[in-house]
Protein backbone atom coordinates (compact mmCIF):
# COMPACT_ATOMS: atom_id res chain seq x y z
CA MET A 1 14.78 2.14 -45.95
CA PRO A 2 15.96 1.87 -42.31
CA GLN A 3 19.28 3.18 -41.29
CA LYS A 4 21.94 0.73 -40.18
CA ILE A 5 22.67 1.00 -36.06
CA GLN A 6 26.11 2.53 -36.35
CA ARG A 7 27.32 2.21 -32.52
CA VAL A 8 27.35 -0.55 -30.05
CA PRO A 9 25.05 0.19 -26.92
CA ARG A 10 27.50 1.49 -23.89
CA THR A 11 28.94 -1.16 -21.55
CA LEU A 12 27.66 -4.03 -23.94
CA GLN A 13 31.19 -5.04 -25.05
CA THR A 14 32.40 -4.75 -21.35
CA ILE A 15 29.48 -6.99 -20.22
CA LEU A 16 30.35 -9.58 -23.03
CA SER A 17 33.87 -9.47 -22.55
CA THR A 18 33.87 -10.01 -18.72
CA SER A 19 31.40 -12.97 -19.12
CA GLY A 20 33.45 -14.34 -21.78
CA GLY A 21 31.05 -13.80 -24.71
CA GLN A 22 32.13 -12.62 -28.00
CA THR A 23 31.40 -8.58 -28.78
CA PRO A 24 29.42 -8.22 -31.84
CA ALA A 25 30.99 -7.81 -35.09
CA GLU A 26 27.83 -5.79 -36.48
CA LEU A 27 24.43 -5.15 -35.31
CA LEU A 28 21.14 -5.99 -36.99
CA ASP A 29 19.78 -3.37 -39.51
CA GLN A 30 16.59 -2.94 -37.56
CA ILE A 31 15.21 -3.52 -34.13
CA ARG A 32 13.48 -6.72 -33.48
CA ALA A 33 10.80 -7.47 -30.58
CA THR A 34 12.13 -10.09 -28.20
CA LEU A 35 10.13 -12.17 -25.46
CA ASP A 36 11.92 -12.25 -22.15
CA LEU A 37 11.25 -15.87 -20.75
CA LEU A 38 12.95 -15.33 -17.58
CA GLN A 39 9.92 -14.64 -15.41
CA LEU A 40 7.77 -17.39 -17.13
CA TYR A 41 10.65 -20.06 -16.62
CA GLY A 42 11.02 -18.67 -12.94
CA LEU A 43 7.22 -19.33 -12.47
CA THR A 44 7.72 -22.88 -13.11
CA GLN A 45 10.34 -23.16 -10.21
CA TRP A 46 8.22 -21.22 -8.05
CA GLN A 47 9.23 -21.87 -4.23
CA THR A 48 8.75 -20.09 -1.02
CA ARG A 49 11.70 -19.35 1.30
CA SER A 50 11.23 -17.93 4.71
CA ALA A 51 13.28 -17.41 7.92
CA ALA A 52 12.04 -16.20 11.53
CA ASP A 53 12.97 -14.48 14.72
CA ALA A 54 10.75 -15.29 17.65
CA ALA A 55 12.23 -12.07 19.59
CA LEU A 56 13.72 -9.63 17.32
CA VAL A 57 14.92 -6.37 18.87
CA GLU A 58 14.47 -2.77 17.46
CA GLY A 59 17.27 -2.14 14.58
CA GLY A 60 17.34 -6.20 14.22
CA ASN A 61 17.29 -8.13 10.84
CA VAL A 62 16.02 -11.52 9.42
CA THR A 63 17.88 -12.33 6.48
CA LEU A 64 17.52 -14.88 3.70
CA THR A 65 20.66 -15.51 1.65
CA VAL A 66 20.57 -16.88 -1.80
CA PRO A 67 22.74 -20.16 -1.90
CA THR A 68 25.73 -19.91 -4.01
CA ASN A 69 24.82 -22.48 -6.70
CA GLU A 70 21.19 -20.99 -7.44
CA VAL A 71 19.96 -17.75 -8.80
CA TRP A 72 16.35 -16.55 -7.75
CA VAL A 73 13.92 -14.47 -9.72
CA LEU A 74 12.01 -12.49 -6.90
CA PHE A 75 8.37 -12.13 -7.22
CA SER A 76 7.54 -10.67 -3.69
CA ALA A 77 8.76 -10.48 -0.35
CA ALA A 78 6.70 -10.20 3.04
CA PHE A 79 8.01 -9.07 6.58
CA LEU A 80 5.44 -10.13 9.16
CA ILE A 81 5.53 -8.76 12.68
CA ALA A 82 3.46 -9.90 15.66
CA LYS A 83 1.89 -6.52 17.00
CA THR A 84 1.00 -6.36 20.67
CA ALA A 85 -1.51 -4.27 22.75
CA THR A 86 1.39 -2.65 24.23
CA ALA A 87 3.07 -1.36 20.95
CA THR A 88 3.43 2.42 20.55
CA ALA A 89 5.20 2.54 17.37
CA LEU A 90 6.29 -0.01 14.48
CA ARG A 91 7.98 0.48 11.36
CA ALA A 92 9.38 -2.25 9.17
CA GLY A 93 11.33 -2.52 5.86
CA ILE A 94 12.94 -4.92 3.38
CA GLN A 95 16.19 -4.49 1.73
CA LEU A 96 17.89 -6.32 -1.23
CA GLY A 97 21.60 -6.48 -2.10
CA PRO A 98 24.53 -8.58 -3.59
CA ASP A 99 25.85 -8.50 0.12
CA ALA A 100 25.44 -6.86 3.57
CA THR A 101 27.44 -3.80 2.77
CA GLN A 102 25.37 -3.05 -0.53
CA MET A 103 21.72 -3.22 0.53
CA SER A 104 18.90 -1.11 -0.91
CA SER A 105 15.57 -0.35 0.52
CA VAL A 106 12.73 -1.37 -1.64
CA VAL A 107 10.08 -0.79 1.23
CA SER A 108 9.58 0.86 4.52
CA GLU A 109 6.35 1.12 6.17
CA GLN A 110 4.70 2.51 9.35
CA LEU A 111 2.36 -0.21 10.67
CA GLY A 112 -0.04 1.43 12.64
CA PRO A 113 -2.77 2.02 14.19
CA PHE A 114 -1.82 1.35 17.85
CA GLY A 115 -3.79 0.92 21.07
CA ALA A 116 -5.12 -2.03 23.28
CA THR A 117 -7.31 -3.43 20.45
CA GLU A 118 -4.99 -3.14 17.79
CA THR A 119 -3.16 -6.41 17.98
CA GLY A 120 -2.10 -9.53 15.46
CA ALA A 121 0.01 -9.79 12.70
CA VAL A 122 1.04 -6.76 10.33
CA ARG A 123 3.16 -6.93 7.10
CA ALA A 124 5.63 -4.73 5.03
CA VAL A 125 5.08 -6.01 1.54
CA PHE A 126 7.35 -5.82 -1.69
CA VAL A 127 5.96 -6.95 -5.11
CA SER A 128 8.79 -6.79 -7.74
CA PRO A 129 7.12 -4.70 -10.54
CA TYR A 130 9.69 -6.81 -12.97
CA PRO A 131 11.66 -10.15 -12.75
CA ARG A 132 14.35 -9.26 -10.03
CA VAL A 133 17.45 -11.51 -10.53
CA LEU A 134 19.49 -12.09 -7.40
CA PRO A 135 22.42 -14.12 -7.91
CA GLY A 136 23.92 -16.54 -5.29
CA GLY A 137 25.23 -14.88 -2.16
CA SER A 138 22.44 -11.97 -2.66
CA LEU A 139 20.53 -11.20 0.59
CA ILE A 140 16.58 -10.19 1.05
CA ARG A 141 16.48 -8.58 4.45
CA GLY A 142 13.62 -7.50 6.87
CA THR A 143 14.50 -4.93 9.30
CA LEU A 144 12.36 -3.93 12.41
CA GLU A 145 13.04 -0.15 12.05
CA ILE A 146 11.24 1.10 15.07
CA LEU A 147 9.53 -0.96 17.98
CA GLY A 148 7.98 1.42 20.54
CA THR A 149 7.74 0.47 24.06
CA ASP A 150 7.96 -3.61 23.38
CA ALA A 151 11.57 -5.00 23.92
CA ASN A 152 11.15 -7.39 20.98
CA ALA A 153 8.86 -8.80 18.44
CA SER A 154 7.98 -11.98 16.93
CA THR A 155 8.78 -11.81 12.95
CA VAL A 156 8.81 -13.81 9.78
CA LEU A 157 10.57 -12.93 6.45
CA THR A 158 8.88 -14.77 3.51
CA ALA A 159 9.93 -14.55 -0.34
CA SER A 160 8.29 -16.08 -3.39
CA VAL A 161 11.14 -16.78 -5.81
CA GLY A 162 11.75 -18.69 -8.85
CA VAL A 163 14.92 -20.99 -8.30
CA LEU A 164 17.14 -21.52 -11.16
CA GLY A 165 19.94 -23.95 -10.78
CA GLY A 166 20.71 -25.78 -7.72
């Protein structure tokens, strides 16, 4: 006979009480498998959101902001940069966060090689390995971390998301 679970997972009561939920009086006697439908529901609400800057400078950002009345399930994000023949260095990154002061880098890529025949669109890409929930006000940011010799570059930040709410 399985033993009864004796203690509540740490922070569960805090999470439930801050969201207005009731804390459990008793836990189930055994663990049950569950199916998380968030990603599947997000796929039914699939949209592509994008932002661009035709002349982004080194250290500059292109940002997508989740509207306050929506929640996004992030599937992937790509930061596209038009590389010129005069580029001698190029590094781009993608960050996620609840606001501009709490960003976390999810990808940072060197986008070479370089030379007179090495031109065209290059991308830093992030594919989320699990449903990444971004509540209203959250940011997806593409950053042109290094841009050698060129003064600016044409950029596009694109995110594939499931839009919940709105």
